[in-house]
Amino acid sequence: KNLKDIQEELTKDPFTESFLVNKAGNVTAFYIEIAKGKNN
């Protein structure tokens, strides 16, 4: 699959843009969720 197309779709998706990827498509983020009751 064309990765350029994926980049364009992700940067236009309001649920991913600024959350998982920036508009320029060169910065992403991943989120590590701690198990419930273990946040010490």
Full PDB file with SEQRES, HELIX, SHEET, SSBOND, CRYST1, ORIGX, SCALE, CONECT and MASTER records, all heavy atoms in Angstrom:
SEQRES   1 A   40  LYS ASN LEU LYS ASP ILE GLN GLU GLU LEU THR LYS ASP          
SEQRES   2 A   40  PRO PHE THR GLU SER PHE LEU VAL ASN LYS ALA GLY ASN          
SEQRES   3 A   40  VAL THR ALA PHE TYR ILE GLU ILE ALA LYS GLY LYS ASN          
SEQRES   4 A   40  ASN                                                          
HELIX    1 AA1 LEU A    3  LYS A   12  1                                  10    
CRYST1    1.000    1.000    1.000  90.00  90.00  90.00 P 1           1          
ORIGX1      1.000000  0.000000  0.000000        0.00000                         
ORIGX2      0.000000  1.000000  0.000000        0.00000                         
ORIGX3      0.000000  0.000000  1.000000        0.00000                         
SCALE1      1.000000  0.000000  0.000000        0.00000                         
SCALE2      0.000000  1.000000  0.000000        0.00000                         
SCALE3      0.000000  0.000000  1.000000        0.00000                         
ATOM      1  N   LYS A   1       0.835  -1.201   0.000  1.00  0.00           N  
ATOM      2  CA  LYS A   1       0.000   0.000   0.000  1.00  0.00           C  
ATOM      3  C   LYS A   1       0.862   1.241   0.000  1.00  0.00           C  
ATOM      4  O   LYS A   1       1.921   1.263   0.622  1.00  0.00           O  
ATOM      5  CB  LYS A   1      -0.923   0.004   1.213  1.00  0.00           C  
ATOM      6  CG  LYS A   1      -2.039   1.039   1.088  1.00  0.00           C  
ATOM      7  CD  LYS A   1      -3.109   0.819   2.128  1.00  0.00           C  
ATOM      8  CE  LYS A   1      -4.246   1.803   1.914  1.00  0.00           C  
ATOM      9  NZ  LYS A   1      -5.311   1.629   2.909  1.00  0.00           N  
ATOM     10  N   ASN A   2       0.424   2.254  -0.672  1.00  0.00           N  
ATOM     11  CA  ASN A   2       1.187   3.496  -0.776  1.00  0.00           C  
ATOM     12  C   ASN A   2       1.218   4.201   0.581  1.00  0.00           C  
ATOM     13  O   ASN A   2       0.193   4.663   1.081  1.00  0.00           O  
ATOM     14  CB  ASN A   2       0.530   4.405  -1.826  1.00  0.00           C  
ATOM     15  CG  ASN A   2       1.429   5.573  -2.173  1.00  0.00           C  
ATOM     16  OD1 ASN A   2       2.193   6.051  -1.357  1.00  0.00           O  
ATOM     17  ND2 ASN A   2       1.329   6.045  -3.407  1.00  0.00           N  
ATOM     18  N   LEU A   3       2.409   4.265   1.152  1.00  0.00           N  
ATOM     19  CA  LEU A   3       2.540   4.898   2.462  1.00  0.00           C  
ATOM     20  C   LEU A   3       2.229   6.385   2.421  1.00  0.00           C  
ATOM     21  O   LEU A   3       1.823   6.974   3.418  1.00  0.00           O  
ATOM     22  CB  LEU A   3       3.948   4.662   3.011  1.00  0.00           C  
ATOM     23  CG  LEU A   3       4.263   3.225   3.434  1.00  0.00           C  
ATOM     24  CD1 LEU A   3       5.719   3.090   3.854  1.00  0.00           C  
ATOM     25  CD2 LEU A   3       3.363   2.788   4.577  1.00  0.00           C  
ATOM     26  N   LYS A   4       2.421   6.993   1.271  1.00  0.00           N  
ATOM     27  CA  LYS A   4       2.083   8.408   1.127  1.00  0.00           C  
ATOM     28  C   LYS A   4       0.591   8.615   1.315  1.00  0.00           C  
ATOM     29  O   LYS A   4       0.152   9.587   1.945  1.00  0.00           O  
ATOM     30  CB  LYS A   4       2.527   8.905  -0.251  1.00  0.00           C  
ATOM     31  CG  LYS A   4       2.519  10.417  -0.392  1.00  0.00           C  
ATOM     32  CD  LYS A   4       3.604  11.036   0.465  1.00  0.00           C  
ATOM     33  CE  LYS A   4       3.645  12.557   0.241  1.00  0.00           C  
ATOM     34  NZ  LYS A   4       4.624  13.198   1.136  1.00  0.00           N  
ATOM     35  N   ASP A   5      -0.190   7.685   0.762  1.00  0.00           N  
ATOM     36  CA  ASP A   5      -1.646   7.781   0.926  1.00  0.00           C  
ATOM     37  C   ASP A   5      -2.041   7.599   2.392  1.00  0.00           C  
ATOM     38  O   ASP A   5      -2.932   8.289   2.902  1.00  0.00           O  
ATOM     39  CB  ASP A   5      -2.340   6.720   0.071  1.00  0.00           C  
ATOM     40  CG  ASP A   5      -2.185   6.996  -1.421  1.00  0.00           C  
ATOM     41  OD1 ASP A   5      -1.879   8.155  -1.765  1.00  0.00           O  
ATOM     42  OD2 ASP A   5      -2.347   6.059  -2.217  1.00  0.00           O  
ATOM     43  N   ILE A   6      -1.374   6.659   3.071  1.00  0.00           N  
ATOM     44  CA  ILE A   6      -1.666   6.442   4.486  1.00  0.00           C  
ATOM     45  C   ILE A   6      -1.349   7.698   5.299  1.00  0.00           C  
ATOM     46  O   ILE A   6      -2.119   8.109   6.167  1.00  0.00           O  
ATOM     47  CB  ILE A   6      -0.851   5.240   5.029  1.00  0.00           C  
ATOM     48  CG1 ILE A   6      -1.290   3.954   4.341  1.00  0.00           C  
ATOM     49  CG2 ILE A   6      -1.000   5.119   6.539  1.00  0.00           C  
ATOM     50  CD1 ILE A   6      -0.493   2.745   4.758  1.00  0.00           C  
ATOM     51  N   GLN A   7      -0.206   8.312   4.989  1.00  0.00           N  
ATOM     52  CA  GLN A   7       0.177   9.543   5.684  1.00  0.00           C  
ATOM     53  C   GLN A   7      -0.875  10.620   5.479  1.00  0.00           C  
ATOM     54  O   GLN A   7      -1.275  11.301   6.426  1.00  0.00           O  
ATOM     55  CB  GLN A   7       1.533  10.031   5.180  1.00  0.00           C  
ATOM     56  CG  GLN A   7       1.960  11.359   5.798  1.00  0.00           C  
ATOM     57  CD  GLN A   7       3.290  11.852   5.265  1.00  0.00           C  
ATOM     58  OE1 GLN A   7       4.014  11.111   4.588  1.00  0.00           O  
ATOM     59  NE2 GLN A   7       3.625  13.098   5.544  1.00  0.00           N  
ATOM     60  N   GLU A   8      -1.338  10.769   4.255  1.00  0.00           N  
ATOM     61  CA  GLU A   8      -2.337  11.807   3.956  1.00  0.00           C  
ATOM     62  C   GLU A   8      -3.633  11.540   4.695  1.00  0.00           C  
ATOM     63  O   GLU A   8      -4.257  12.464   5.242  1.00  0.00           O  
ATOM     64  CB  GLU A   8      -2.572  11.842   2.438  1.00  0.00           C  
ATOM     65  CG  GLU A   8      -3.473  12.993   2.011  1.00  0.00           C  
ATOM     66  CD  GLU A   8      -3.614  13.069   0.499  1.00  0.00           C  
ATOM     67  OE1 GLU A   8      -2.831  12.412  -0.212  1.00  0.00           O  
ATOM     68  OE2 GLU A   8      -4.513  13.788   0.040  1.00  0.00           O  
ATOM     69  N   GLU A   9      -4.042  10.285   4.751  1.00  0.00           N  
ATOM     70  CA  GLU A   9      -5.287   9.949   5.433  1.00  0.00           C  
ATOM     71  C   GLU A   9      -5.174  10.181   6.943  1.00  0.00           C  
ATOM     72  O   GLU A   9      -6.093  10.714   7.576  1.00  0.00           O  
ATOM     73  CB  GLU A   9      -5.652   8.489   5.149  1.00  0.00           C  
ATOM     74  CG  GLU A   9      -6.058   8.229   3.701  1.00  0.00           C  
ATOM     75  CD  GLU A   9      -6.223   6.747   3.420  1.00  0.00           C  
ATOM     76  OE1 GLU A   9      -6.048   5.945   4.359  1.00  0.00           O  
ATOM     77  OE2 GLU A   9      -6.540   6.389   2.270  1.00  0.00           O  
ATOM     78  N   LEU A  10      -4.041   9.780   7.498  1.00  0.00           N  
ATOM     79  CA  LEU A  10      -3.852   9.944   8.938  1.00  0.00           C  
ATOM     80  C   LEU A  10      -3.788  11.403   9.360  1.00  0.00           C  
ATOM     81  O   LEU A  10      -4.311  11.789  10.409  1.00  0.00           O  
ATOM     82  CB  LEU A  10      -2.572   9.221   9.383  1.00  0.00           C  
ATOM     83  CG  LEU A  10      -2.659   7.704   9.545  1.00  0.00           C  
ATOM     84  CD1 LEU A  10      -1.271   7.096   9.645  1.00  0.00           C  
ATOM     85  CD2 LEU A  10      -3.477   7.343  10.787  1.00  0.00           C  
ATOM     86  N   THR A  11      -3.132  12.227   8.548  1.00  0.00           N  
ATOM     87  CA  THR A  11      -2.999  13.640   8.907  1.00  0.00           C  
ATOM     88  C   THR A  11      -4.284  14.431   8.680  1.00  0.00           C  
ATOM     89  O   THR A  11      -4.395  15.565   9.144  1.00  0.00           O  
ATOM     90  CB  THR A  11      -1.851  14.290   8.115  1.00  0.00           C  
ATOM     91  OG1 THR A  11      -2.041  14.047   6.715  1.00  0.00           O  
ATOM     92  CG2 THR A  11      -0.506  13.722   8.553  1.00  0.00           C  
ATOM     93  N   LYS A  12      -5.236  13.837   7.986  1.00  0.00           N  
ATOM     94  CA  LYS A  12      -6.530  14.499   7.778  1.00  0.00           C  
ATOM     95  C   LYS A  12      -7.600  13.976   8.735  1.00  0.00           C  
ATOM     96  O   LYS A  12      -8.639  14.621   8.904  1.00  0.00           O  
ATOM     97  CB  LYS A  12      -6.996  14.298   6.337  1.00  0.00           C  
ATOM     98  CG  LYS A  12      -6.214  15.107   5.315  1.00  0.00           C  
ATOM     99  CD  LYS A  12      -6.762  14.893   3.923  1.00  0.00           C  
ATOM    100  CE  LYS A  12      -5.995  15.735   2.889  1.00  0.00           C  
ATOM    101  NZ  LYS A  12      -6.514  15.518   1.515  1.00  0.00           N  
ATOM    102  N   ASP A  13      -7.351  12.824   9.329  1.00  0.00           N  
ATOM    103  CA  ASP A  13      -8.322  12.219  10.237  1.00  0.00           C  
ATOM    104  C   ASP A  13      -8.337  12.992  11.557  1.00  0.00           C  
ATOM    105  O   ASP A  13      -7.313  13.084  12.241  1.00  0.00           O  
ATOM    106  CB  ASP A  13      -7.940  10.758  10.489  1.00  0.00           C  
ATOM    107  CG  ASP A  13      -9.034   9.995  11.240  1.00  0.00           C  
ATOM    108  OD1 ASP A  13      -9.804  10.623  11.981  1.00  0.00           O  
ATOM    109  OD2 ASP A  13      -9.089   8.762  11.091  1.00  0.00           O  
ATOM    110  N   PRO A  14      -9.486  13.567  11.948  1.00  0.00           N  
ATOM    111  CA  PRO A  14      -9.527  14.364  13.190  1.00  0.00           C  
ATOM    112  C   PRO A  14      -9.275  13.537  14.452  1.00  0.00           C  
ATOM    113  O   PRO A  14      -8.956  14.089  15.507  1.00  0.00           O  
ATOM    114  CB  PRO A  14     -10.943  14.943  13.190  1.00  0.00           C  
ATOM    115  CG  PRO A  14     -11.739  14.027  12.322  1.00  0.00           C  
ATOM    116  CD  PRO A  14     -10.790  13.527  11.277  1.00  0.00           C  
ATOM    117  N   PHE A  15      -9.419  12.202  14.346  1.00  0.00           N  
ATOM    118  CA  PHE A  15      -9.184  11.345  15.506  1.00  0.00           C  
ATOM    119  C   PHE A  15      -7.708  10.957  15.667  1.00  0.00           C  
ATOM    120  O   PHE A  15      -7.328  10.415  16.696  1.00  0.00           O  
ATOM    121  CB  PHE A  15     -10.034  10.071  15.403  1.00  0.00           C  
ATOM    122  CG  PHE A  15     -11.501  10.326  15.540  1.00  0.00           C  
ATOM    123  CD1 PHE A  15     -12.310  10.340  14.418  1.00  0.00           C  
ATOM    124  CD2 PHE A  15     -12.077  10.572  16.770  1.00  0.00           C  
ATOM    125  CE1 PHE A  15     -13.677  10.579  14.522  1.00  0.00           C  
ATOM    126  CE2 PHE A  15     -13.438  10.813  16.892  1.00  0.00           C  
ATOM    127  CZ  PHE A  15     -14.242  10.821  15.768  1.00  0.00           C  
ATOM    128  N   THR A  16      -6.903  11.214  14.660  1.00  0.00           N  
ATOM    129  CA  THR A  16      -5.483  10.868  14.739  1.00  0.00           C  
ATOM    130  C   THR A  16      -4.565  12.080  14.634  1.00  0.00           C  
ATOM    131  O   THR A  16      -3.520  12.124  15.273  1.00  0.00           O  
ATOM    132  CB  THR A  16      -5.110   9.866  13.633  1.00  0.00           C  
ATOM    133  OG1 THR A  16      -5.421  10.443  12.352  1.00  0.00           O  
ATOM    134  CG2 THR A  16      -5.855   8.551  13.798  1.00  0.00           C  
ATOM    135  N   GLU A  17      -4.963  13.073  13.855  1.00  0.00           N  
ATOM    136  CA  GLU A  17      -4.131  14.268  13.683  1.00  0.00           C  
ATOM    137  C   GLU A  17      -4.054  15.028  15.009  1.00  0.00           C  
ATOM    138  O   GLU A  17      -5.061  15.251  15.673  1.00  0.00           O  
ATOM    139  CB  GLU A  17      -4.720  15.157  12.580  1.00  0.00           C  
ATOM    140  CG  GLU A  17      -3.799  16.286  12.139  1.00  0.00           C  
ATOM    141  CD  GLU A  17      -3.982  17.541  12.984  1.00  0.00           C  
ATOM    142  OE1 GLU A  17      -5.130  17.858  13.347  1.00  0.00           O  
ATOM    143  OE2 GLU A  17      -2.956  18.165  13.312  1.00  0.00           O  
ATOM    144  N   SER A  18      -2.827  15.379  15.395  1.00  0.00           N  
ATOM    145  CA  SER A  18      -2.508  16.046  16.666  1.00  0.00           C  
ATOM    146  C   SER A  18      -2.639  15.119  17.868  1.00  0.00           C  
ATOM    147  O   SER A  18      -2.407  15.541  19.006  1.00  0.00           O  
ATOM    148  CB  SER A  18      -3.377  17.294  16.894  1.00  0.00           C  
ATOM    149  OG  SER A  18      -3.091  18.258  15.914  1.00  0.00           O  
ATOM    150  N   PHE A  19      -3.029  13.874  17.647  1.00  0.00           N  
ATOM    151  CA  PHE A  19      -3.081  12.895  18.734  1.00  0.00           C  
ATOM    152  C   PHE A  19      -2.046  11.786  18.511  1.00  0.00           C  
ATOM    153  O   PHE A  19      -1.250  11.479  19.378  1.00  0.00           O  
ATOM    154  CB  PHE A  19      -4.477  12.295  18.836  1.00  0.00           C  
ATOM    155  CG  PHE A  19      -4.599  11.210  19.857  1.00  0.00           C  
ATOM    156  CD1 PHE A  19      -4.426  11.469  21.213  1.00  0.00           C  
ATOM    157  CD2 PHE A  19      -4.893   9.908  19.469  1.00  0.00           C  
ATOM    158  CE1 PHE A  19      -4.533  10.455  22.146  1.00  0.00           C  
ATOM    159  CE2 PHE A  19      -5.000   8.891  20.410  1.00  0.00           C  
ATOM    160  CZ  PHE A  19      -4.826   9.163  21.755  1.00  0.00           C  
ATOM    161  N   LEU A  20      -2.053  11.229  17.321  1.00  0.00           N  
ATOM    162  CA  LEU A  20      -1.084  10.192  16.972  1.00  0.00           C  
ATOM    163  C   LEU A  20      -0.044  10.665  15.963  1.00  0.00           C  
ATOM    164  O   LEU A  20       1.004  10.045  15.816  1.00  0.00           O  
ATOM    165  CB  LEU A  20      -1.794   8.951  16.431  1.00  0.00           C  
ATOM    166  CG  LEU A  20      -2.554   8.114  17.457  1.00  0.00           C  
ATOM    167  CD1 LEU A  20      -3.353   7.022  16.758  1.00  0.00           C  
ATOM    168  CD2 LEU A  20      -1.620   7.510  18.487  1.00  0.00           C  
ATOM    169  N   VAL A  21      -0.333  11.749  15.257  1.00  0.00           N  
ATOM    170  CA  VAL A  21       0.605  12.246  14.251  1.00  0.00           C  
ATOM    171  C   VAL A  21       0.363  13.734  14.048  1.00  0.00           C  
ATOM    172  O   VAL A  21      -0.767  14.223  14.217  1.00  0.00           O  
ATOM    173  CB  VAL A  21       0.433  11.471  12.914  1.00  0.00           C  
ATOM    174  CG1 VAL A  21      -0.925  11.743  12.286  1.00  0.00           C  
ATOM    175  CG2 VAL A  21       1.562  11.777  11.946  1.00  0.00           C  
ATOM    176  N   ASN A  22       1.428  14.485  13.718  1.00  0.00           N  
ATOM    177  CA  ASN A  22       1.258  15.912  13.449  1.00  0.00           C  
ATOM    178  C   ASN A  22       0.935  16.135  11.977  1.00  0.00           C  
ATOM    179  O   ASN A  22       0.987  15.219  11.147  1.00  0.00           O  
ATOM    180  CB  ASN A  22       2.508  16.694  13.854  1.00  0.00           C  
ATOM    181  CG  ASN A  22       3.708  16.344  12.993  1.00  0.00           C  
ATOM    182  OD1 ASN A  22       3.766  15.271  12.393  1.00  0.00           O  
ATOM    183  ND2 ASN A  22       4.682  17.234  12.925  1.00  0.00           N  
ATOM    184  N   LYS A  23       0.582  17.359  11.646  1.00  0.00           N  
ATOM    185  CA  LYS A  23       0.183  17.661  10.266  1.00  0.00           C  
ATOM    186  C   LYS A  23       1.316  17.428   9.283  1.00  0.00           C  
ATOM    187  O   LYS A  23       1.095  17.012   8.140  1.00  0.00           O  
ATOM    188  CB  LYS A  23      -0.297  19.115  10.165  1.00  0.00           C  
ATOM    189  CG  LYS A  23      -1.732  19.332  10.626  1.00  0.00           C  
ATOM    190  CD  LYS A  23      -2.172  20.747  10.315  1.00  0.00           C  
ATOM    191  CE  LYS A  23      -3.643  20.942  10.681  1.00  0.00           C  
ATOM    192  NZ  LYS A  23      -4.532  20.130   9.819  1.00  0.00           N  
ATOM    193  N   ALA A  24       2.551  17.712   9.694  1.00  0.00           N  
ATOM    194  CA  ALA A  24       3.692  17.544   8.798  1.00  0.00           C  
ATOM    195  C   ALA A  24       4.032  16.073   8.560  1.00  0.00           C  
ATOM    196  O   ALA A  24       4.762  15.739   7.618  1.00  0.00           O  
ATOM    197  CB  ALA A  24       4.915  18.265   9.364  1.00  0.00           C  
ATOM    198  N   GLY A  25       3.524  15.200   9.407  1.00  0.00           N  
ATOM    199  CA  GLY A  25       3.753  13.775   9.220  1.00  0.00           C  
ATOM    200  C   GLY A  25       5.157  13.312   9.572  1.00  0.00           C  
ATOM    201  O   GLY A  25       5.598  12.275   9.077  1.00  0.00           O  
ATOM    202  N   ASN A  26       5.835  14.045  10.449  1.00  0.00           N  
ATOM    203  CA  ASN A  26       7.177  13.620  10.858  1.00  0.00           C  
ATOM    204  C   ASN A  26       7.304  13.389  12.363  1.00  0.00           C  
ATOM    205  O   ASN A  26       8.376  13.089  12.862  1.00  0.00           O  
ATOM    206  CB  ASN A  26       8.226  14.645  10.415  1.00  0.00           C  
ATOM    207  CG  ASN A  26       8.044  15.994  11.091  1.00  0.00           C  
ATOM    208  OD1 ASN A  26       6.975  16.291  11.639  1.00  0.00           O  
ATOM    209  ND2 ASN A  26       9.070  16.817  11.052  1.00  0.00           N  
ATOM    210  N   VAL A  27       6.205  13.550  13.092  1.00  0.00           N  
ATOM    211  CA  VAL A  27       6.198  13.305  14.536  1.00  0.00           C  
ATOM    212  C   VAL A  27       4.981  12.473  14.888  1.00  0.00           C  
ATOM    213  O   VAL A  27       3.867  12.781  14.469  1.00  0.00           O  
ATOM    214  CB  VAL A  27       6.171  14.617  15.354  1.00  0.00           C  
ATOM    215  CG1 VAL A  27       6.095  14.314  16.848  1.00  0.00           C  
ATOM    216  CG2 VAL A  27       7.384  15.476  15.050  1.00  0.00           C  
ATOM    217  N   THR A  28       5.213  11.427  15.635  1.00  0.00           N  
ATOM    218  CA  THR A  28       4.118  10.609  16.152  1.00  0.00           C  
ATOM    219  C   THR A  28       4.278  10.465  17.650  1.00  0.00           C  
ATOM    220  O   THR A  28       5.231  10.992  18.237  1.00  0.00           O  
ATOM    221  CB  THR A  28       4.095   9.224  15.477  1.00  0.00           C  
ATOM    222  OG1 THR A  28       2.934   8.506  15.932  1.00  0.00           O  
ATOM    223  CG2 THR A  28       5.338   8.414  15.815  1.00  0.00           C  
ATOM    224  N   ALA A  29       3.347   9.793  18.271  1.00  0.00           N  
ATOM    225  CA  ALA A  29       3.422   9.533  19.707  1.00  0.00           C  
ATOM    226  C   ALA A  29       2.797   8.181  19.979  1.00  0.00           C  
ATOM    227  O   ALA A  29       1.887   7.751  19.259  1.00  0.00           O  
ATOM    228  CB  ALA A  29       2.702  10.617  20.494  1.00  0.00           C  
ATOM    229  N   PHE A  30       3.310   7.508  20.979  1.00  0.00           N  
ATOM    230  CA  PHE A  30       2.641   6.296  21.445  1.00  0.00           C  
ATOM    231  C   PHE A  30       2.383   6.434  22.932  1.00  0.00           C  
ATOM    232  O   PHE A  30       3.122   7.109  23.658  1.00  0.00           O  
ATOM    233  CB  PHE A  30       3.417   5.024  21.097  1.00  0.00           C  
ATOM    234  CG  PHE A  30       4.862   5.016  21.487  1.00  0.00           C  
ATOM    235  CD1 PHE A  30       5.269   4.530  22.727  1.00  0.00           C  
ATOM    236  CD2 PHE A  30       5.830   5.474  20.611  1.00  0.00           C  
ATOM    237  CE1 PHE A  30       6.601   4.503  23.078  1.00  0.00           C  
ATOM    238  CE2 PHE A  30       7.168   5.448  20.953  1.00  0.00           C  
ATOM    239  CZ  PHE A  30       7.559   4.962  22.193  1.00  0.00           C  
ATOM    240  N   TYR A  31       1.315   5.799  23.378  1.00  0.00           N  
ATOM    241  CA  TYR A  31       0.792   6.003  24.717  1.00  0.00           C  
ATOM    242  C   TYR A  31       0.802   4.680  25.477  1.00  0.00           C  
ATOM    243  O   TYR A  31       0.250   3.687  25.004  1.00  0.00           O  
ATOM    244  CB  TYR A  31      -0.634   6.560  24.667  1.00  0.00           C  
ATOM    245  CG  TYR A  31      -0.722   7.880  23.938  1.00  0.00           C  
ATOM    246  CD1 TYR A  31      -0.803   7.920  22.543  1.00  0.00           C  
ATOM    247  CD2 TYR A  31      -0.726   9.073  24.630  1.00  0.00           C  
ATOM    248  CE1 TYR A  31      -0.874   9.131  21.861  1.00  0.00           C  
ATOM    249  CE2 TYR A  31      -0.807  10.289  23.965  1.00  0.00           C  
ATOM    250  CZ  TYR A  31      -0.877  10.311  22.575  1.00  0.00           C  
ATOM    251  OH  TYR A  31      -0.940  11.504  21.914  1.00  0.00           O  
ATOM    252  N   ILE A  32       1.429   4.699  26.662  1.00  0.00           N  
ATOM    253  CA  ILE A  32       1.556   3.500  27.488  1.00  0.00           C  
ATOM    254  C   ILE A  32       0.594   3.637  28.664  1.00  0.00           C  
ATOM    255  O   ILE A  32       0.770   4.503  29.527  1.00  0.00           O  
ATOM    256  CB  ILE A  32       2.996   3.331  28.003  1.00  0.00           C  
ATOM    257  CG1 ILE A  32       3.981   3.357  26.831  1.00  0.00           C  
ATOM    258  CG2 ILE A  32       3.138   2.056  28.814  1.00  0.00           C  
ATOM    259  CD1 ILE A  32       5.422   3.589  27.246  1.00  0.00           C  
ATOM    260  N   GLU A  33      -0.420   2.797  28.691  1.00  0.00           N  
ATOM    261  CA  GLU A  33      -1.419   2.865  29.753  1.00  0.00           C  
ATOM    262  C   GLU A  33      -1.073   1.879  30.856  1.00  0.00           C  
ATOM    263  O   GLU A  33      -0.891   0.684  30.607  1.00  0.00           O  
ATOM    264  CB  GLU A  33      -2.801   2.555  29.181  1.00  0.00           C  
ATOM    265  CG  GLU A  33      -3.925   2.747  30.180  1.00  0.00           C  
ATOM    266  CD  GLU A  33      -5.295   2.523  29.561  1.00  0.00           C  
ATOM    267  OE1 GLU A  33      -5.443   2.774  28.346  1.00  0.00           O  
ATOM    268  OE2 GLU A  33      -6.205   2.085  30.298  1.00  0.00           O  
ATOM    269  N   ILE A  34      -0.965   2.389  32.082  1.00  0.00           N  
ATOM    270  CA  ILE A  34      -0.632   1.552  33.235  1.00  0.00           C  
ATOM    271  C   ILE A  34      -1.864   0.791  33.690  1.00  0.00           C  
ATOM    272  O   ILE A  34      -2.978   1.327  33.688  1.00  0.00           O  
ATOM    273  CB  ILE A  34      -0.077   2.421  34.376  1.00  0.00           C  
ATOM    274  CG1 ILE A  34       1.191   3.159  33.907  1.00  0.00           C  
ATOM    275  CG2 ILE A  34       0.245   1.583  35.608  1.00  0.00           C  
ATOM    276  CD1 ILE A  34       1.693   4.189  34.891  1.00  0.00           C  
ATOM    277  N   ALA A  35      -1.675  -0.469  34.077  1.00  0.00           N  
ATOM    278  CA  ALA A  35      -2.795  -1.317  34.497  1.00  0.00           C  
ATOM    279  C   ALA A  35      -3.530  -0.690  35.682  1.00  0.00           C  
ATOM    280  O   ALA A  35      -2.927  -0.046  36.544  1.00  0.00           O  
ATOM    281  CB  ALA A  35      -2.281  -2.704  34.867  1.00  0.00           C  
ATOM    282  N   LYS A  36      -4.820  -0.894  35.719  1.00  0.00           N  
ATOM    283  CA  LYS A  36      -5.653  -0.334  36.774  1.00  0.00           C  
ATOM    284  C   LYS A  36      -5.226  -0.867  38.136  1.00  0.00           C  
ATOM    285  O   LYS A  36      -4.989  -2.056  38.317  1.00  0.00           O  
ATOM    286  CB  LYS A  36      -7.121  -0.699  36.517  1.00  0.00           C  
ATOM    287  CG  LYS A  36      -8.096   0.008  37.448  1.00  0.00           C  
ATOM    288  CD  LYS A  36      -9.524  -0.296  37.069  1.00  0.00           C  
ATOM    289  CE  LYS A  36     -10.494   0.445  37.983  1.00  0.00           C  
ATOM    290  NZ  LYS A  36     -11.907   0.146  37.624  1.00  0.00           N  
ATOM    291  N   GLY A  37      -5.122   0.023  39.109  1.00  0.00           N  
ATOM    292  CA  GLY A  37      -4.737  -0.355  40.458  1.00  0.00           C  
ATOM    293  C   GLY A  37      -3.244  -0.513  40.653  1.00  0.00           C  
ATOM    294  O   GLY A  37      -2.795  -0.846  41.751  1.00  0.00           O  
ATOM    295  N   LYS A  38      -2.451  -0.278  39.609  1.00  0.00           N  
ATOM    296  CA  LYS A  38      -1.002  -0.442  39.688  1.00  0.00           C  
ATOM    297  C   LYS A  38      -0.251   0.884  39.531  1.00  0.00           C  
ATOM    298  O   LYS A  38       0.970   0.884  39.419  1.00  0.00           O  
ATOM    299  CB  LYS A  38      -0.514  -1.417  38.606  1.00  0.00           C  
ATOM    300  CG  LYS A  38      -1.124  -2.799  38.707  1.00  0.00           C  
ATOM    301  CD  LYS A  38      -0.658  -3.521  39.963  1.00  0.00           C  
ATOM    302  CE  LYS A  38      -1.172  -4.937  40.025  1.00  0.00           C  
ATOM    303  NZ  LYS A  38      -0.702  -5.648  41.235  1.00  0.00           N  
ATOM    304  N   ASN A  39      -0.977   1.983  39.545  1.00  0.00           N  
ATOM    305  CA  ASN A  39      -0.357   3.285  39.282  1.00  0.00           C  
ATOM    306  C   ASN A  39       0.259   3.846  40.558  1.00  0.00           C  
ATOM    307  O   ASN A  39      -0.250   4.789  41.168  1.00  0.00           O  
ATOM    308  CB  ASN A  39      -1.403   4.247  38.712  1.00  0.00           C  
ATOM    309  CG  ASN A  39      -0.780   5.540  38.212  1.00  0.00           C  
ATOM    310  OD1 ASN A  39       0.442   5.647  38.100  1.00  0.00           O  
ATOM    311  ND2 ASN A  39      -1.616   6.508  37.904  1.00  0.00           N  
ATOM    312  N   ASN A  40       1.380   3.239  40.986  1.00  0.00           N  
ATOM    313  CA  ASN A  40       2.108   3.747  42.134  1.00  0.00           C  
ATOM    314  C   ASN A  40       3.565   3.981  41.747  1.00  0.00           C  
ATOM    315  O   ASN A  40       3.982   3.635  40.643  1.00  0.00           O  
ATOM    316  CB  ASN A  40       2.000   2.793  43.328  1.00  0.00           C  
ATOM    317  CG  ASN A  40       2.459   1.389  42.990  1.00  0.00           C  
ATOM    318  OD1 ASN A  40       3.602   1.175  42.591  1.00  0.00           O  
ATOM    319  ND2 ASN A  40       1.570   0.413  43.138  1.00  0.00           N  
TER     320      ASN A  40                                                      
MASTER        0    0    0    1    0    0    0    6  319    1    0    4          
END                                                                             
